[in-house]
Amino acid sequence: MKTKKVTIPARDTNGFLIGFKEINVLWECPTCGGEMGNPQLMQYTEDGFFGQIHTWENPCGHIAHYKNLQIVGDAE
C-alpha cells in the first residue's frame, strides 16, 4: 500500500475555505485503482486565504477529487 502526504484546502461543513491541511492518503486512483501522478505544489488563493496545495495528473486520465481521497493515518 503506497501512501503520500499532500496539502489540500480545508473546508467547513458549508464548503467555505477555512485554511489548508496536510493529510496522508492512499496513492491510488479512486476510480480505477491505478497509481496516481506525482504531486506538485501550486499557489492557491480563495476568499483571502493564500497558500500552497498539491495537484497532480493521473496517468490513467481520471480526475481524483480531494473529497474522494482515502485518508490513512495522521499527517505529521
N, C-alpha and C. Protein backbone atom coordinates (compact mmCIF):
# COMPACT_ATOMS: atom_id res chain seq x y z
N MET A 1 0.85 -1.17 0.00
CA MET A 1 0.00 0.00 0.00
C MET A 1 0.89 1.24 0.00
N LYS A 2 0.82 2.05 -1.05
CA LYS A 2 1.62 3.25 -1.16
C LYS A 2 0.80 4.45 -0.70
N THR A 3 1.40 5.28 0.15
CA THR A 3 0.73 6.49 0.63
C THR A 3 1.60 7.70 0.34
N LYS A 4 0.97 8.87 0.31
CA LYS A 4 1.69 10.13 0.14
C LYS A 4 1.06 11.16 1.06
N LYS A 5 1.88 12.13 1.49
CA LYS A 5 1.39 13.25 2.27
C LYS A 5 1.17 14.42 1.33
N VAL A 6 -0.05 14.95 1.30
CA VAL A 6 -0.39 16.07 0.43
C VAL A 6 -1.08 17.16 1.23
N THR A 7 -1.01 18.37 0.73
CA THR A 7 -1.70 19.51 1.33
C THR A 7 -2.90 19.84 0.46
N ILE A 8 -4.07 19.96 1.11
CA ILE A 8 -5.31 20.24 0.38
C ILE A 8 -6.05 21.38 1.09
N PRO A 9 -7.03 21.99 0.42
CA PRO A 9 -7.84 23.00 1.08
C PRO A 9 -8.68 22.37 2.21
N ALA A 10 -8.79 23.07 3.34
CA ALA A 10 -9.66 22.63 4.43
C ALA A 10 -10.95 23.44 4.35
N ARG A 11 -12.08 22.76 4.39
CA ARG A 11 -13.37 23.44 4.24
C ARG A 11 -14.29 23.11 5.42
N ASP A 12 -15.18 24.06 5.73
CA ASP A 12 -16.16 23.81 6.78
C ASP A 12 -17.34 23.02 6.21
N THR A 13 -18.36 22.79 7.03
CA THR A 13 -19.49 21.97 6.60
C THR A 13 -20.31 22.62 5.49
N ASN A 14 -20.14 23.94 5.31
CA ASN A 14 -20.85 24.64 4.23
C ASN A 14 -20.02 24.73 2.95
N GLY A 15 -18.80 24.22 2.97
CA GLY A 15 -17.94 24.23 1.80
C GLY A 15 -17.04 25.44 1.69
N PHE A 16 -17.05 26.33 2.71
CA PHE A 16 -16.21 27.51 2.67
C PHE A 16 -14.79 27.17 3.12
N LEU A 17 -13.81 27.76 2.45
CA LEU A 17 -12.40 27.53 2.78
C LEU A 17 -12.09 28.12 4.15
N ILE A 18 -11.47 27.31 5.02
CA ILE A 18 -11.08 27.77 6.36
C ILE A 18 -9.57 27.64 6.58
N GLY A 19 -8.85 27.21 5.57
CA GLY A 19 -7.40 27.06 5.68
C GLY A 19 -6.91 25.91 4.81
N PHE A 20 -5.79 25.34 5.24
CA PHE A 20 -5.18 24.24 4.50
C PHE A 20 -4.80 23.15 5.48
N LYS A 21 -4.78 21.90 5.01
CA LYS A 21 -4.40 20.80 5.89
C LYS A 21 -3.56 19.78 5.15
N GLU A 22 -2.66 19.14 5.89
CA GLU A 22 -1.85 18.04 5.35
C GLU A 22 -2.52 16.73 5.74
N ILE A 23 -2.63 15.84 4.77
CA ILE A 23 -3.21 14.52 5.03
C ILE A 23 -2.34 13.45 4.37
N ASN A 24 -2.37 12.26 4.95
CA ASN A 24 -1.75 11.08 4.32
C ASN A 24 -2.86 10.35 3.59
N VAL A 25 -2.63 10.05 2.32
CA VAL A 25 -3.66 9.39 1.53
C VAL A 25 -3.11 8.15 0.82
N LEU A 26 -4.00 7.21 0.58
CA LEU A 26 -3.69 6.04 -0.22
C LEU A 26 -3.47 6.54 -1.64
N TRP A 27 -2.31 6.27 -2.22
CA TRP A 27 -1.95 6.86 -3.50
C TRP A 27 -2.37 5.98 -4.66
N GLU A 28 -3.68 5.82 -4.79
CA GLU A 28 -4.23 5.11 -5.94
C GLU A 28 -5.51 5.81 -6.39
N CYS A 29 -5.76 5.73 -7.67
CA CYS A 29 -6.92 6.39 -8.28
C CYS A 29 -8.20 5.83 -7.67
N PRO A 30 -9.09 6.71 -7.15
CA PRO A 30 -10.35 6.23 -6.59
C PRO A 30 -11.27 5.57 -7.62
N THR A 31 -11.05 5.84 -8.91
CA THR A 31 -11.91 5.30 -9.95
C THR A 31 -11.46 3.91 -10.41
N CYS A 32 -10.13 3.78 -10.73
CA CYS A 32 -9.67 2.51 -11.30
C CYS A 32 -8.65 1.76 -10.45
N GLY A 33 -8.13 2.40 -9.40
CA GLY A 33 -7.15 1.75 -8.53
C GLY A 33 -5.72 1.86 -9.01
N GLY A 34 -5.47 2.52 -10.16
CA GLY A 34 -4.11 2.71 -10.64
C GLY A 34 -3.36 3.74 -9.82
N GLU A 35 -2.03 3.72 -9.93
CA GLU A 35 -1.22 4.69 -9.18
C GLU A 35 -1.45 6.08 -9.74
N MET A 36 -1.49 7.07 -8.83
CA MET A 36 -1.72 8.45 -9.25
C MET A 36 -0.40 9.12 -9.60
N GLY A 37 -0.49 10.26 -10.27
CA GLY A 37 0.68 11.00 -10.72
C GLY A 37 1.45 11.65 -9.59
N ASN A 38 2.59 12.24 -9.92
CA ASN A 38 3.47 12.88 -8.95
C ASN A 38 2.87 14.21 -8.49
N PRO A 39 2.66 14.40 -7.16
CA PRO A 39 2.05 15.65 -6.69
C PRO A 39 3.03 16.82 -6.79
N GLN A 40 2.49 17.97 -7.21
CA GLN A 40 3.26 19.20 -7.35
C GLN A 40 2.57 20.29 -6.55
N LEU A 41 3.36 21.11 -5.84
CA LEU A 41 2.78 22.23 -5.11
C LEU A 41 2.44 23.36 -6.07
N MET A 42 1.30 24.00 -5.85
CA MET A 42 0.93 25.17 -6.64
C MET A 42 0.32 26.21 -5.72
N GLN A 43 0.49 27.48 -6.07
CA GLN A 43 -0.09 28.57 -5.30
C GLN A 43 -1.60 28.51 -5.41
N TYR A 44 -2.28 28.79 -4.29
CA TYR A 44 -3.74 28.74 -4.27
C TYR A 44 -4.26 29.94 -3.49
N THR A 45 -5.25 30.62 -4.03
CA THR A 45 -5.85 31.77 -3.39
C THR A 45 -7.37 31.65 -3.50
N GLU A 46 -8.05 31.86 -2.38
CA GLU A 46 -9.51 31.85 -2.37
C GLU A 46 -10.00 32.61 -1.15
N ASP A 47 -10.87 33.57 -1.36
CA ASP A 47 -11.51 34.32 -0.27
C ASP A 47 -10.52 34.86 0.76
N GLY A 48 -9.40 35.39 0.31
CA GLY A 48 -8.42 35.99 1.22
C GLY A 48 -7.43 35.01 1.82
N PHE A 49 -7.57 33.72 1.55
CA PHE A 49 -6.60 32.73 2.01
C PHE A 49 -5.56 32.53 0.92
N PHE A 50 -4.30 32.55 1.32
CA PHE A 50 -3.20 32.33 0.39
C PHE A 50 -2.37 31.17 0.91
N GLY A 51 -2.04 30.22 0.05
CA GLY A 51 -1.23 29.09 0.47
C GLY A 51 -0.86 28.24 -0.71
N GLN A 52 -0.36 27.05 -0.41
CA GLN A 52 0.02 26.10 -1.44
C GLN A 52 -0.73 24.80 -1.23
N ILE A 53 -1.17 24.21 -2.33
CA ILE A 53 -1.82 22.91 -2.29
C ILE A 53 -1.17 22.01 -3.33
N HIS A 54 -1.35 20.71 -3.17
CA HIS A 54 -0.83 19.76 -4.14
C HIS A 54 -1.86 19.49 -5.23
N THR A 55 -1.38 19.37 -6.45
CA THR A 55 -2.19 18.93 -7.58
C THR A 55 -1.38 17.86 -8.32
N TRP A 56 -2.04 17.08 -9.16
CA TRP A 56 -1.37 16.02 -9.91
C TRP A 56 -2.24 15.62 -11.08
N GLU A 57 -1.63 14.97 -12.04
CA GLU A 57 -2.36 14.40 -13.17
C GLU A 57 -2.15 12.89 -13.13
N ASN A 58 -3.23 12.16 -13.19
CA ASN A 58 -3.15 10.70 -13.14
C ASN A 58 -2.83 10.13 -14.52
N PRO A 59 -1.90 9.17 -14.59
CA PRO A 59 -1.59 8.52 -15.87
C PRO A 59 -2.82 7.87 -16.51
N CYS A 60 -3.77 7.44 -15.68
CA CYS A 60 -4.96 6.77 -16.21
C CYS A 60 -5.95 7.77 -16.82
N GLY A 61 -5.76 9.06 -16.55
CA GLY A 61 -6.65 10.08 -17.10
C GLY A 61 -7.83 10.44 -16.20
N HIS A 62 -8.07 9.69 -15.13
CA HIS A 62 -9.17 10.00 -14.22
C HIS A 62 -8.80 11.19 -13.33
N ILE A 63 -9.81 11.95 -12.93
CA ILE A 63 -9.61 13.07 -12.00
C ILE A 63 -9.95 12.58 -10.60
N ALA A 64 -9.01 12.75 -9.67
CA ALA A 64 -9.23 12.35 -8.28
C ALA A 64 -9.51 13.61 -7.48
N HIS A 65 -10.78 13.84 -7.14
CA HIS A 65 -11.15 15.00 -6.35
C HIS A 65 -10.68 14.81 -4.91
N TYR A 66 -10.33 15.92 -4.26
CA TYR A 66 -9.84 15.85 -2.88
C TYR A 66 -10.82 15.10 -1.98
N LYS A 67 -12.12 15.32 -2.18
CA LYS A 67 -13.13 14.69 -1.33
C LYS A 67 -13.17 13.17 -1.52
N ASN A 68 -12.60 12.66 -2.60
CA ASN A 68 -12.61 11.22 -2.86
C ASN A 68 -11.33 10.50 -2.44
N LEU A 69 -10.35 11.25 -1.93
CA LEU A 69 -9.11 10.64 -1.49
C LEU A 69 -9.34 9.82 -0.23
N GLN A 70 -8.68 8.68 -0.14
CA GLN A 70 -8.81 7.82 1.03
C GLN A 70 -7.71 8.15 2.03
N ILE A 71 -8.09 8.77 3.16
CA ILE A 71 -7.13 9.19 4.17
C ILE A 71 -6.69 7.97 4.98
N VAL A 72 -5.37 7.87 5.21
CA VAL A 72 -4.81 6.79 6.02
C VAL A 72 -3.91 7.40 7.09
N GLY A 73 -4.16 7.10 8.35
CA GLY A 73 -3.32 7.60 9.43
C GLY A 73 -3.39 9.10 9.57
N ASP A 74 -2.48 9.64 10.39
CA ASP A 74 -2.41 11.08 10.63
C ASP A 74 -1.21 11.67 9.95
N ALA A 75 -1.34 12.88 9.43
CA ALA A 75 -0.20 13.61 8.86
C ALA A 75 0.56 14.23 10.01
N GLU A 76 1.88 14.29 9.87
CA GLU A 76 2.71 14.88 10.94
C GLU A 76 3.15 16.26 10.59
